[in-house]
Amino acid sequence: MPHEWVGVPKSEYGEQLWDRQSINRNEDGSVRVLSKFIPKTKSEITKDILYTMDINCFEKSFRDVDVSIDEANSNFNDLANWEDPNGDKLILGVIGQVCRVEN
């Protein structure tokens, strides 16, 4: 499946992108999206980390239901806990952009 990566404003830690093609509405009304984090300091062995995250647009909360370096090995945890972004600019950027697209 082709990706359409959209970047949010970078932070001092690196950058976060989300895939416009991956947005799905969950049964509970939250939004599921694939995103990836590219660390600022990248060594040869560092791969982009892929996160499948659910976003609650009303509460501005999120949960990572899968974290992997390889899409083929996704292992979704639908019991992951909802979390507050705690001021994380990258996560807040993803939540803001995805929720604007979805609503």
PDB file of N, CA and C in Angstrom:
ATOM      1  N   MET A   1       0.851  -1.188   0.000  1.00  0.00           N
ATOM      2  CA  MET A   1       0.000   0.000   0.000  1.00  0.00           C
ATOM      3  C   MET A   1       0.896   1.251   0.000  1.00  0.00           C
ATOM      4  N   PRO A   2       0.678   2.159  -0.915  1.00  0.00           N
ATOM      5  CA  PRO A   2       1.525   3.353  -0.941  1.00  0.00           C
ATOM      6  C   PRO A   2       1.240   4.253   0.256  1.00  0.00           C
ATOM      7  N   HIS A   3       2.281   4.937   0.695  1.00  0.00           N
ATOM      8  CA  HIS A   3       2.126   5.859   1.818  1.00  0.00           C
ATOM      9  C   HIS A   3       2.097   7.285   1.305  1.00  0.00           C
ATOM     10  N   GLU A   4       1.416   8.118   2.039  1.00  0.00           N
ATOM     11  CA  GLU A   4       1.416   9.553   1.762  1.00  0.00           C
ATOM     12  C   GLU A   4       1.814  10.242   3.065  1.00  0.00           C
ATOM     13  N   TRP A   5       3.128  10.326   3.281  1.00  0.00           N
ATOM     14  CA  TRP A   5       3.626  10.825   4.558  1.00  0.00           C
ATOM     15  C   TRP A   5       3.471  12.335   4.662  1.00  0.00           C
ATOM     16  N   VAL A   6       2.954  12.780   5.790  1.00  0.00           N
ATOM     17  CA  VAL A   6       2.782  14.201   6.072  1.00  0.00           C
ATOM     18  C   VAL A   6       3.580  14.504   7.339  1.00  0.00           C
ATOM     19  N   GLY A   7       4.430  15.523   7.289  1.00  0.00           N
ATOM     20  CA  GLY A   7       5.251  15.841   8.447  1.00  0.00           C
ATOM     21  C   GLY A   7       4.608  16.887   9.330  1.00  0.00           C
ATOM     22  N   VAL A   8       4.829  16.780  10.617  1.00  0.00           N
ATOM     23  CA  VAL A   8       4.413  17.829  11.547  1.00  0.00           C
ATOM     24  C   VAL A   8       5.667  18.637  11.899  1.00  0.00           C
ATOM     25  N   PRO A   9       5.509  19.852  12.467  1.00  0.00           N
ATOM     26  CA  PRO A   9       6.696  20.637  12.810  1.00  0.00           C
ATOM     27  C   PRO A   9       7.673  19.840  13.678  1.00  0.00           C
ATOM     28  N   LYS A  10       8.942  19.898  13.324  1.00  0.00           N
ATOM     29  CA  LYS A  10       9.965  19.116  14.023  1.00  0.00           C
ATOM     30  C   LYS A  10      10.149  19.602  15.454  1.00  0.00           C
ATOM     31  N   SER A  11      10.692  18.718  16.288  1.00  0.00           N
ATOM     32  CA  SER A  11      11.073  19.112  17.646  1.00  0.00           C
ATOM     33  C   SER A  11      12.569  18.882  17.797  1.00  0.00           C
ATOM     34  N   GLU A  12      13.071  19.150  18.997  1.00  0.00           N
ATOM     35  CA  GLU A  12      14.508  18.964  19.207  1.00  0.00           C
ATOM     36  C   GLU A  12      14.909  17.496  19.158  1.00  0.00           C
ATOM     37  N   TYR A  13      13.936  16.587  19.216  1.00  0.00           N
ATOM     38  CA  TYR A  13      14.248  15.152  19.225  1.00  0.00           C
ATOM     39  C   TYR A  13      14.255  14.536  17.832  1.00  0.00           C
ATOM     40  N   GLY A  14      13.606  15.192  16.888  1.00  0.00           N
ATOM     41  CA  GLY A  14      13.520  14.610  15.562  1.00  0.00           C
ATOM     42  C   GLY A  14      12.230  15.025  14.894  1.00  0.00           C
ATOM     43  N   GLU A  15      11.759  14.162  13.994  1.00  0.00           N
ATOM     44  CA  GLU A  15      10.513  14.520  13.328  1.00  0.00           C
ATOM     45  C   GLU A  15       9.546  13.358  13.298  1.00  0.00           C
ATOM     46  N   GLN A  16       8.276  13.705  13.178  1.00  0.00           N
ATOM     47  CA  GLN A  16       7.200  12.724  13.172  1.00  0.00           C
ATOM     48  C   GLN A  16       6.391  12.941  11.904  1.00  0.00           C
ATOM     49  N   LEU A  17       6.100  11.827  11.235  1.00  0.00           N
ATOM     50  CA  LEU A  17       5.270  11.888  10.034  1.00  0.00           C
ATOM     51  C   LEU A  17       4.080  10.959  10.229  1.00  0.00           C
ATOM     52  N   TRP A  18       2.982  11.273   9.566  1.00  0.00           N
ATOM     53  CA  TRP A  18       1.839  10.358   9.594  1.00  0.00           C
ATOM     54  C   TRP A  18       1.386  10.116   8.165  1.00  0.00           C
ATOM     55  N   ASP A  19       0.720   8.993   7.979  1.00  0.00           N
ATOM     56  CA  ASP A  19       0.366   8.525   6.639  1.00  0.00           C
ATOM     57  C   ASP A  19      -1.099   8.824   6.351  1.00  0.00           C
ATOM     58  N   ARG A  20      -1.316   9.772   5.443  1.00  0.00           N
ATOM     59  CA  ARG A  20      -2.681  10.183   5.093  1.00  0.00           C
ATOM     60  C   ARG A  20      -3.503   9.018   4.537  1.00  0.00           C
ATOM     61  N   GLN A  21      -2.814   8.045   3.910  1.00  0.00           N
ATOM     62  CA  GLN A  21      -3.532   6.905   3.329  1.00  0.00           C
ATOM     63  C   GLN A  21      -4.008   5.903   4.382  1.00  0.00           C
ATOM     64  N   SER A  22      -3.463   6.020   5.590  1.00  0.00           N
ATOM     65  CA  SER A  22      -3.707   4.968   6.581  1.00  0.00           C
ATOM     66  C   SER A  22      -4.852   5.302   7.537  1.00  0.00           C
ATOM     67  N   ILE A  23      -5.426   6.494   7.422  1.00  0.00           N
ATOM     68  CA  ILE A  23      -6.438   6.902   8.406  1.00  0.00           C
ATOM     69  C   ILE A  23      -7.667   5.995   8.349  1.00  0.00           C
ATOM     70  N   ASN A  24      -8.063   5.508   9.502  1.00  0.00           N
ATOM     71  CA  ASN A  24      -9.264   4.681   9.620  1.00  0.00           C
ATOM     72  C   ASN A  24     -10.036   5.091  10.853  1.00  0.00           C
ATOM     73  N   ARG A  25     -11.346   5.079  10.732  1.00  0.00           N
ATOM     74  CA  ARG A  25     -12.202   5.388  11.884  1.00  0.00           C
ATOM     75  C   ARG A  25     -12.471   4.080  12.628  1.00  0.00           C
ATOM     76  N   ASN A  26     -12.204   4.081  13.928  1.00  0.00           N
ATOM     77  CA  ASN A  26     -12.496   2.901  14.746  1.00  0.00           C
ATOM     78  C   ASN A  26     -13.963   2.907  15.173  1.00  0.00           C
ATOM     79  N   GLU A  27     -14.421   1.737  15.640  1.00  0.00           N
ATOM     80  CA  GLU A  27     -15.825   1.625  16.057  1.00  0.00           C
ATOM     81  C   GLU A  27     -16.164   2.570  17.198  1.00  0.00           C
ATOM     82  N   ASP A  28     -15.186   2.846  18.064  1.00  0.00           N
ATOM     83  CA  ASP A  28     -15.466   3.715  19.223  1.00  0.00           C
ATOM     84  C   ASP A  28     -15.383   5.202  18.861  1.00  0.00           C
ATOM     85  N   GLY A  29     -15.173   5.502  17.581  1.00  0.00           N
ATOM     86  CA  GLY A  29     -15.129   6.899  17.163  1.00  0.00           C
ATOM     87  C   GLY A  29     -13.725   7.477  17.123  1.00  0.00           C
ATOM     88  N   SER A  30     -12.751   6.740  17.669  1.00  0.00           N
ATOM     89  CA  SER A  30     -11.372   7.223  17.593  1.00  0.00           C
ATOM     90  C   SER A  30     -10.839   6.981  16.178  1.00  0.00           C
ATOM     91  N   VAL A  31      -9.667   7.514  15.914  1.00  0.00           N
ATOM     92  CA  VAL A  31      -9.076   7.436  14.586  1.00  0.00           C
ATOM     93  C   VAL A  31      -7.768   6.663  14.685  1.00  0.00           C
ATOM     94  N   ARG A  32      -7.562   5.706  13.785  1.00  0.00           N
ATOM     95  CA  ARG A  32      -6.310   4.942  13.760  1.00  0.00           C
ATOM     96  C   ARG A  32      -5.461   5.429  12.593  1.00  0.00           C
ATOM     97  N   VAL A  33      -4.173   5.634  12.869  1.00  0.00           N
ATOM     98  CA  VAL A  33      -3.290   6.155  11.827  1.00  0.00           C
ATOM     99  C   VAL A  33      -1.887   5.577  12.021  1.00  0.00           C
ATOM    100  N   LEU A  34      -1.192   5.387  10.916  1.00  0.00           N
ATOM    101  CA  LEU A  34       0.200   4.946  10.963  1.00  0.00           C
ATOM    102  C   LEU A  34       1.092   6.175  10.988  1.00  0.00           C
ATOM    103  N   SER A  35       2.044   6.207  11.910  1.00  0.00           N
ATOM    104  CA  SER A  35       2.982   7.320  11.911  1.00  0.00           C
ATOM    105  C   SER A  35       4.390   6.777  12.096  1.00  0.00           C
ATOM    106  N   LYS A  36       5.367   7.607  11.815  1.00  0.00           N
ATOM    107  CA  LYS A  36       6.736   7.169  12.057  1.00  0.00           C
ATOM    108  C   LYS A  36       7.548   8.302  12.636  1.00  0.00           C
ATOM    109  N   PHE A  37       8.492   7.903  13.474  1.00  0.00           N
ATOM    110  CA  PHE A  37       9.373   8.837  14.146  1.00  0.00           C
ATOM    111  C   PHE A  37      10.767   8.687  13.552  1.00  0.00           C
ATOM    112  N   ILE A  38      11.359   9.809  13.172  1.00  0.00           N
ATOM    113  CA  ILE A  38      12.722   9.799  12.646  1.00  0.00           C
ATOM    114  C   ILE A  38      13.588  10.588  13.631  1.00  0.00           C
ATOM    115  N   PRO A  39      14.416   9.891  14.407  1.00  0.00           N
ATOM    116  CA  PRO A  39      15.210  10.591  15.414  1.00  0.00           C
ATOM    117  C   PRO A  39      16.197  11.561  14.782  1.00  0.00           C
ATOM    118  N   LYS A  40      16.493  12.608  15.495  1.00  0.00           N
ATOM    119  CA  LYS A  40      17.402  13.632  14.982  1.00  0.00           C
ATOM    120  C   LYS A  40      18.795  13.059  14.772  1.00  0.00           C
ATOM    121  N   THR A  41      19.270  12.310  15.754  1.00  0.00           N
ATOM    122  CA  THR A  41      20.571  11.669  15.612  1.00  0.00           C
ATOM    123  C   THR A  41      20.332  10.252  15.138  1.00  0.00           C
ATOM    124  N   LYS A  42      20.676  10.013  13.883  1.00  0.00           N
ATOM    125  CA  LYS A  42      20.351   8.732  13.274  1.00  0.00           C
ATOM    126  C   LYS A  42      21.638   7.987  12.962  1.00  0.00           C
ATOM    127  N   SER A  43      21.808   6.835  13.553  1.00  0.00           N
ATOM    128  CA  SER A  43      22.978   6.034  13.231  1.00  0.00           C
ATOM    129  C   SER A  43      22.598   5.058  12.117  1.00  0.00           C
ATOM    130  N   GLU A  44      23.563   4.333  11.630  1.00  0.00           N
ATOM    131  CA  GLU A  44      23.302   3.394  10.537  1.00  0.00           C
ATOM    132  C   GLU A  44      22.281   2.339  10.944  1.00  0.00           C
ATOM    133  N   ILE A  45      22.316   1.954  12.221  1.00  0.00           N
ATOM    134  CA  ILE A  45      21.449   0.859  12.632  1.00  0.00           C
ATOM    135  C   ILE A  45      20.060   1.333  13.032  1.00  0.00           C
ATOM    136  N   THR A  46      19.896   2.643  13.149  1.00  0.00           N
ATOM    137  CA  THR A  46      18.588   3.137  13.564  1.00  0.00           C
ATOM    138  C   THR A  46      17.626   3.082  12.388  1.00  0.00           C
ATOM    139  N   LYS A  47      16.572   2.336  12.550  1.00  0.00           N
ATOM    140  CA  LYS A  47      15.530   2.322  11.524  1.00  0.00           C
ATOM    141  C   LYS A  47      14.420   3.276  11.957  1.00  0.00           C
ATOM    142  N   ASP A  48      13.655   3.735  10.996  1.00  0.00           N
ATOM    143  CA  ASP A  48      12.480   4.524  11.352  1.00  0.00           C
ATOM    144  C   ASP A  48      11.547   3.635  12.169  1.00  0.00           C
ATOM    145  N   ILE A  49      11.025   4.185  13.244  1.00  0.00           N
ATOM    146  CA  ILE A  49      10.120   3.417  14.091  1.00  0.00           C
ATOM    147  C   ILE A  49       8.693   3.734  13.664  1.00  0.00           C
ATOM    148  N   LEU A  50       7.939   2.701  13.338  1.00  0.00           N
ATOM    149  CA  LEU A  50       6.548   2.864  12.903  1.00  0.00           C
ATOM    150  C   LEU A  50       5.616   2.668  14.094  1.00  0.00           C
ATOM    151  N   TYR A  51       4.708   3.613  14.260  1.00  0.00           N
ATOM    152  CA  TYR A  51       3.704   3.535  15.316  1.00  0.00           C
ATOM    153  C   TYR A  51       2.340   3.477  14.674  1.00  0.00           C
ATOM    154  N   THR A  52       1.536   2.510  15.084  1.00  0.00           N
ATOM    155  CA  THR A  52       0.126   2.590  14.749  1.00  0.00           C
ATOM    156  C   THR A  52      -0.551   3.154  15.984  1.00  0.00           C
ATOM    157  N   MET A  53      -1.170   4.320  15.823  1.00  0.00           N
ATOM    158  CA  MET A  53      -1.753   4.947  16.994  1.00  0.00           C
ATOM    159  C   MET A  53      -3.229   5.230  16.798  1.00  0.00           C
ATOM    160  N   ASP A  54      -3.965   5.111  17.886  1.00  0.00           N
ATOM    161  CA  ASP A  54      -5.351   5.535  17.922  1.00  0.00           C
ATOM    162  C   ASP A  54      -5.379   6.925  18.543  1.00  0.00           C
ATOM    163  N   ILE A  55      -6.217   7.786  17.987  1.00  0.00           N
ATOM    164  CA  ILE A  55      -6.318   9.158  18.471  1.00  0.00           C
ATOM    165  C   ILE A  55      -7.765   9.445  18.849  1.00  0.00           C
ATOM    166  N   ASN A  56      -7.944   9.974  20.046  1.00  0.00           N
ATOM    167  CA  ASN A  56      -9.260  10.444  20.463  1.00  0.00           C
ATOM    168  C   ASN A  56      -9.263  11.959  20.266  1.00  0.00           C
ATOM    169  N   CYS A  57      -9.964  12.408  19.233  1.00  0.00           N
ATOM    170  CA  CYS A  57      -9.918  13.829  18.867  1.00  0.00           C
ATOM    171  C   CYS A  57     -10.605  14.716  19.900  1.00  0.00           C
ATOM    172  N   PHE A  58     -11.566  14.171  20.649  1.00  0.00           N
ATOM    173  CA  PHE A  58     -12.291  14.993  21.619  1.00  0.00           C
ATOM    174  C   PHE A  58     -11.451  15.228  22.854  1.00  0.00           C
ATOM    175  N   GLU A  59     -10.740  14.197  23.285  1.00  0.00           N
ATOM    176  CA  GLU A  59      -9.953  14.309  24.517  1.00  0.00           C
ATOM    177  C   GLU A  59      -8.499  14.650  24.231  1.00  0.00           C
ATOM    178  N   LYS A  60      -8.114  14.703  22.934  1.00  0.00           N
ATOM    179  CA  LYS A  60      -6.716  14.930  22.553  1.00  0.00           C
ATOM    180  C   LYS A  60      -5.794  13.919  23.237  1.00  0.00           C
ATOM    181  N   SER A  61      -6.260  12.664  23.269  1.00  0.00           N
ATOM    182  CA  SER A  61      -5.438  11.604  23.843  1.00  0.00           C
ATOM    183  C   SER A  61      -5.079  10.617  22.739  1.00  0.00           C
ATOM    184  N   PHE A  62      -4.146   9.726  23.044  1.00  0.00           N
ATOM    185  CA  PHE A  62      -3.693   8.778  22.029  1.00  0.00           C
ATOM    186  C   PHE A  62      -3.284   7.482  22.720  1.00  0.00           C
ATOM    187  N   ARG A  63      -3.143   6.447  21.928  1.00  0.00           N
ATOM    188  CA  ARG A  63      -2.531   5.216  22.430  1.00  0.00           C
ATOM    189  C   ARG A  63      -1.796   4.554  21.272  1.00  0.00           C
ATOM    190  N   ASP A  64      -0.657   3.973  21.576  1.00  0.00           N
ATOM    191  CA  ASP A  64       0.099   3.235  20.570  1.00  0.00           C
ATOM    192  C   ASP A  64      -0.374   1.794  20.602  1.00  0.00           C
ATOM    193  N   VAL A  65      -1.013   1.352  19.522  1.00  0.00           N
ATOM    194  CA  VAL A  65      -1.501  -0.026  19.493  1.00  0.00           C
ATOM    195  C   VAL A  65      -0.481  -0.957  18.849  1.00  0.00           C
ATOM    196  N   ASP A  66       0.517  -0.379  18.165  1.00  0.00           N
ATOM    197  CA  ASP A  66       1.591  -1.203  17.618  1.00  0.00           C
ATOM    198  C   ASP A  66       2.817  -0.330  17.410  1.00  0.00           C
ATOM    199  N   VAL A  67       3.967  -0.861  17.774  1.00  0.00           N
ATOM    200  CA  VAL A  67       5.236  -0.188  17.522  1.00  0.00           C
ATOM    201  C   VAL A  67       6.151  -1.211  16.878  1.00  0.00           C
ATOM    202  N   SER A  68       6.678  -0.895  15.708  1.00  0.00           N
ATOM    203  CA  SER A  68       7.522  -1.868  15.019  1.00  0.00           C
ATOM    204  C   SER A  68       8.464  -1.144  14.066  1.00  0.00           C
ATOM    205  N   ILE A  69       9.434  -1.870  13.540  1.00  0.00           N
ATOM    206  CA  ILE A  69      10.280  -1.300  12.496  1.00  0.00           C
ATOM    207  C   ILE A  69       9.921  -1.915  11.156  1.00  0.00           C
ATOM    208  N   ASP A  70       8.873  -2.731  11.152  1.00  0.00           N
ATOM    209  CA  ASP A  70       8.538  -3.473   9.946  1.00  0.00           C
ATOM    210  C   ASP A  70       7.025  -3.694   9.912  1.00  0.00           C
ATOM    211  N   GLU A  71       6.384  -3.129   8.888  1.00  0.00           N
ATOM    212  CA  GLU A  71       4.920  -3.236   8.824  1.00  0.00           C
ATOM    213  C   GLU A  71       4.422  -4.670   8.761  1.00  0.00           C
ATOM    214  N   ALA A  72       5.235  -5.556   8.193  1.00  0.00           N
ATOM    215  CA  ALA A  72       4.797  -6.946   8.036  1.00  0.00           C
ATOM    216  C   ALA A  72       4.620  -7.636   9.381  1.00  0.00           C
ATOM    217  N   ASN A  73       5.299  -7.127  10.401  1.00  0.00           N
ATOM    218  CA  ASN A  73       5.243  -7.784  11.706  1.00  0.00           C
ATOM    219  C   ASN A  73       4.378  -7.039  12.712  1.00  0.00           C
ATOM    220  N   SER A  74       3.321  -6.408  12.227  1.00  0.00           N
ATOM    221  CA  SER A  74       2.439  -5.688  13.135  1.00  0.00           C
ATOM    222  C   SER A  74       1.762  -6.662  14.085  1.00  0.00           C
ATOM    223  N   ASN A  75       1.649  -6.237  15.320  1.00  0.00           N
ATOM    224  CA  ASN A  75       1.010  -7.055  16.342  1.00  0.00           C
ATOM    225  C   ASN A  75       0.163  -6.123  17.198  1.00  0.00           C
ATOM    226  N   PHE A  76      -1.077  -5.926  16.786  1.00  0.00           N
ATOM    227  CA  PHE A  76      -1.894  -4.884  17.399  1.00  0.00           C
ATOM    228  C   PHE A  76      -2.326  -5.243  18.810  1.00  0.00           C
ATOM    229  N   ASN A  77      -2.212  -4.281  19.697  1.00  0.00           N
ATOM    230  CA  ASN A  77      -2.671  -4.425  21.069  1.00  0.00           C
ATOM    231  C   ASN A  77      -3.828  -3.463  21.283  1.00  0.00           C
ATOM    232  N   ASP A  78      -5.032  -3.973  21.106  1.00  0.00           N
ATOM    233  CA  ASP A  78      -6.208  -3.110  21.234  1.00  0.00           C
ATOM    234  C   ASP A  78      -6.559  -2.819  22.681  1.00  0.00           C
ATOM    235  N   LEU A  79      -5.763  -3.323  23.603  1.00  0.00           N
ATOM    236  CA  LEU A  79      -5.995  -3.040  25.016  1.00  0.00           C
ATOM    237  C   LEU A  79      -5.001  -2.010  25.547  1.00  0.00           C
ATOM    238  N   ALA A  80      -4.236  -1.410  24.657  1.00  0.00           N
ATOM    239  CA  ALA A  80      -3.273  -0.390  25.093  1.00  0.00           C
ATOM    240  C   ALA A  80      -4.001   0.727  25.832  1.00  0.00           C
ATOM    241  N   ASN A  81      -3.320   1.333  26.766  1.00  0.00           N
ATOM    242  CA  ASN A  81      -3.931   2.402  27.558  1.00  0.00           C
ATOM    243  C   ASN A  81      -3.887   3.734  26.822  1.00  0.00           C
ATOM    244  N   TRP A  82      -4.934   4.516  27.005  1.00  0.00           N
ATOM    245  CA  TRP A  82      -4.964   5.874  26.464  1.00  0.00           C
ATOM    246  C   TRP A  82      -4.010   6.747  27.267  1.00  0.00           C
ATOM    247  N   GLU A  83      -3.306   7.608  26.586  1.00  0.00           N
ATOM    248  CA  GLU A  83      -2.326   8.468  27.234  1.00  0.00           C
ATOM    249  C   GLU A  83      -2.540   9.916  26.840  1.00  0.00           C
ATOM    250  N   ASP A  84      -2.090  10.796  27.733  1.00  0.00           N
ATOM    251  CA  ASP A  84      -2.078  12.223  27.453  1.00  0.00           C
ATOM    252  C   ASP A  84      -0.742  12.538  26.770  1.00  0.00           C
ATOM    253  N   PRO A  85      -0.738  13.397  25.741  1.00  0.00           N
ATOM    254  CA  PRO A  85       0.532  13.703  25.066  1.00  0.00           C
ATOM    255  C   PRO A  85       1.555  14.401  25.960  1.00  0.00           C
ATOM    256  N   ASN A  86       1.110  14.918  27.100  1.00  0.00           N
ATOM    257  CA  ASN A  86       2.036  15.559  28.038  1.00  0.00           C
ATOM    258  C   ASN A  86       2.901  16.631  27.386  1.00  0.00           C
ATOM    259  N   GLY A  87       2.319  17.397  26.502  1.00  0.00           N
ATOM    260  CA  GLY A  87       3.053  18.493  25.896  1.00  0.00           C
ATOM    261  C   GLY A  87       4.032  18.086  24.806  1.00  0.00           C
ATOM    262  N   ASP A  88       4.056  16.808  24.429  1.00  0.00           N
ATOM    263  CA  ASP A  88       4.948  16.349  23.357  1.00  0.00           C
ATOM    264  C   ASP A  88       4.527  16.992  22.038  1.00  0.00           C
ATOM    265  N   LYS A  89       5.367  17.877  21.527  1.00  0.00           N
ATOM    266  CA  LYS A  89       4.995  18.665  20.347  1.00  0.00           C
ATOM    267  C   LYS A  89       4.735  17.787  19.130  1.00  0.00           C
ATOM    268  N   LEU A  90       5.490  16.690  19.010  1.00  0.00           N
ATOM    269  CA  LEU A  90       5.321  15.830  17.838  1.00  0.00           C
ATOM    270  C   LEU A  90       3.967  15.122  17.874  1.00  0.00           C
ATOM    271  N   ILE A  91       3.628  14.575  19.025  1.00  0.00           N
ATOM    272  CA  ILE A  91       2.345  13.866  19.135  1.00  0.00           C
ATOM    273  C   ILE A  91       1.187  14.843  19.013  1.00  0.00           C
ATOM    274  N   LEU A  92       1.329  16.012  19.654  1.00  0.00           N
ATOM    275  CA  LEU A  92       0.273  17.025  19.533  1.00  0.00           C
ATOM    276  C   LEU A  92       0.103  17.452  18.079  1.00  0.00           C
ATOM    277  N   GLY A  93       1.211  17.525  17.347  1.00  0.00           N
ATOM    278  CA  GLY A  93       1.136  17.882  15.930  1.00  0.00           C
ATOM    279  C   GLY A  93       0.372  16.851  15.121  1.00  0.00           C
ATOM    280  N   VAL A  94       0.662  15.574  15.380  1.00  0.00           N
ATOM    281  CA  VAL A  94      -0.050  14.503  14.670  1.00  0.00           C
ATOM    282  C   VAL A  94      -1.534  14.546  15.019  1.00  0.00           C
ATOM    283  N   ILE A  95      -1.851  14.659  16.316  1.00  0.00           N
ATOM    284  CA  ILE A  95      -3.255  14.688  16.737  1.00  0.00           C
ATOM    285  C   ILE A  95      -3.970  15.855  16.058  1.00  0.00           C
ATOM    286  N   GLY A  96      -3.354  17.030  16.083  1.00  0.00           N
ATOM    287  CA  GLY A  96      -3.994  18.201  15.488  1.00  0.00           C
ATOM    288  C   GLY A  96      -4.268  18.032  13.998  1.00  0.00           C
ATOM    289  N   GLN A  97      -3.260  17.550  13.278  1.00  0.00           N
ATOM    290  CA  GLN A  97      -3.429  17.416  11.825  1.00  0.00           C
ATOM    291  C   GLN A  97      -4.406  16.305  11.464  1.00  0.00           C
ATOM    292  N   VAL A  98      -4.268  15.148  12.106  1.00  0.00           N
ATOM    293  CA  VAL A  98      -5.159  14.032  11.780  1.00  0.00           C
ATOM    294  C   VAL A  98      -6.600  14.384  12.095  1.00  0.00           C
ATOM    295  N   CYS A  99      -6.835  15.031  13.226  1.00  0.00           N
ATOM    296  CA  CYS A  99      -8.213  15.352  13.616  1.00  0.00           C
ATOM    297  C   CYS A  99      -8.806  16.405  12.682  1.00  0.00           C
ATOM    298  N   ARG A 100      -7.981  17.305  12.161  1.00  0.00           N
ATOM    299  CA  ARG A 100      -8.488  18.277  11.175  1.00  0.00           C
ATOM    300  C   ARG A 100      -8.901  17.573   9.890  1.00  0.00           C
ATOM    301  N   VAL A 101      -8.116  16.589   9.466  1.00  0.00           N
ATOM    302  CA  VAL A 101      -8.432  15.854   8.240  1.00  0.00           C
ATOM    303  C   VAL A 101      -9.712  15.036   8.413  1.00  0.00           C
ATOM    304  N   GLU A 102      -9.847  14.428   9.590  1.00  0.00           N
ATOM    305  CA  GLU A 102     -10.941  13.486   9.817  1.00  0.00           C
ATOM    306  C   GLU A 102     -12.281  14.173  10.055  1.00  0.00           C
ATOM    307  N   ASN A 103     -12.264  15.392  10.584  1.00  0.00           N
ATOM    308  CA  ASN A 103     -13.552  15.989  11.002  1.00  0.00           C
ATOM    309  C   ASN A 103     -14.064  17.002   9.999  1.00  0.00           C
TER     310      ASN A 103
END
